[in-house]
């Protein structure tokens, strides 16, 4: 029997899920890893767990690699393709550097297994050029300076699940992946045509510690104030967003403070929702109003009735009506029977989607 291990690397964590070839989930977990040594220890510990169940000859590993540029996945990991991954590290050092390090360790610890990289950007390669391009020198676009989009593994799973629920192969979806990193995506007739994150995971929605959309002139201003590139990068990735607005990156804490009447928390919450609505309204136009499903996913999207209510209440004129009791219970479908649009809470499963991508690829058939 074949077995499959999905390794989902984050900036400070390693989530994993272990499946048999019938996609029965055998084990799932999450290691908190703040240093490269932590990641190495986590993978070593995981190997010891896996070795007690299966020999590595029958094991397939799927590695999440956030920024794949224009490369397709699953990408079989051999010497030639490892060079591709190494070059991609500079595009997104925050995530890709960690993933590349962990892949190298995994290749050493699982030498007889088959390894694949799964790119978050792959799902968004269908976005048309007019949505990919920035208002910069066209030569930069030709060199690869363009919108790539992220959270693609999550959106791919969401699309798969909505197809099952609606029994429709090419649905029109506005999806919101709201978590520590937050993004929005519009899927028209089953393919991504626009998303909020861009060349990097900094663009778009307000996030836990990232600002989302900012005026480029602000970056120039910070440089003129004497900040270095590293200082600006650390500031934008770790000190902005919800944390910058109200002093906490924990959205549950923000909600507690909001209910206690904290004005700073209220402002941060309203700004978070406002940015979501900016993108949802734009996507509604792109999809020409023919929306089959509005989907909430990610840690905040799946667990915050307050955010879902605030967003959907503003969309009533578009025919979006949610059932308050279902919303408070975080059920999979929260739309009212009279709603013109289905509203769903989809608990994303990136690890399962990574394995499904491998099973659907020609490299394993």
Foldseek 3Di string as FASTA:
>chain_A
DAKEKEWEDDLFKTWIWIAHPVRDTDDTDMQGHNDLVSLLVVLVVVLVVVVVPDALLRYEYEFEAEDQQADADQDWDDPVVLVSLVVCCVLAVSGSVSSSSNVVSVCVSRVNHTYTYHYQLNQQSPADPVQFDDPDPVVVVVVRQTFRDGPNLQVVQVLVVVCVVVVAQFAWEWEWAAEQQTKIFTGGGHGTHHMQGTSYSQAAAQHLQARHDDDPVVVVVVVVVPDDPVRVVCNRNGCDGLCVQQNGSDVVVLVVVVVVVNPSSVVSLVRRLVRVLVVVVVSCVVNPLRHAEYEFEHPCSQQPLPSVCVNQVVCVVSQFAFASVCSNVSAQWGTDPRGPYTYGYDYTDSNSSSVVRVVPDPVVD
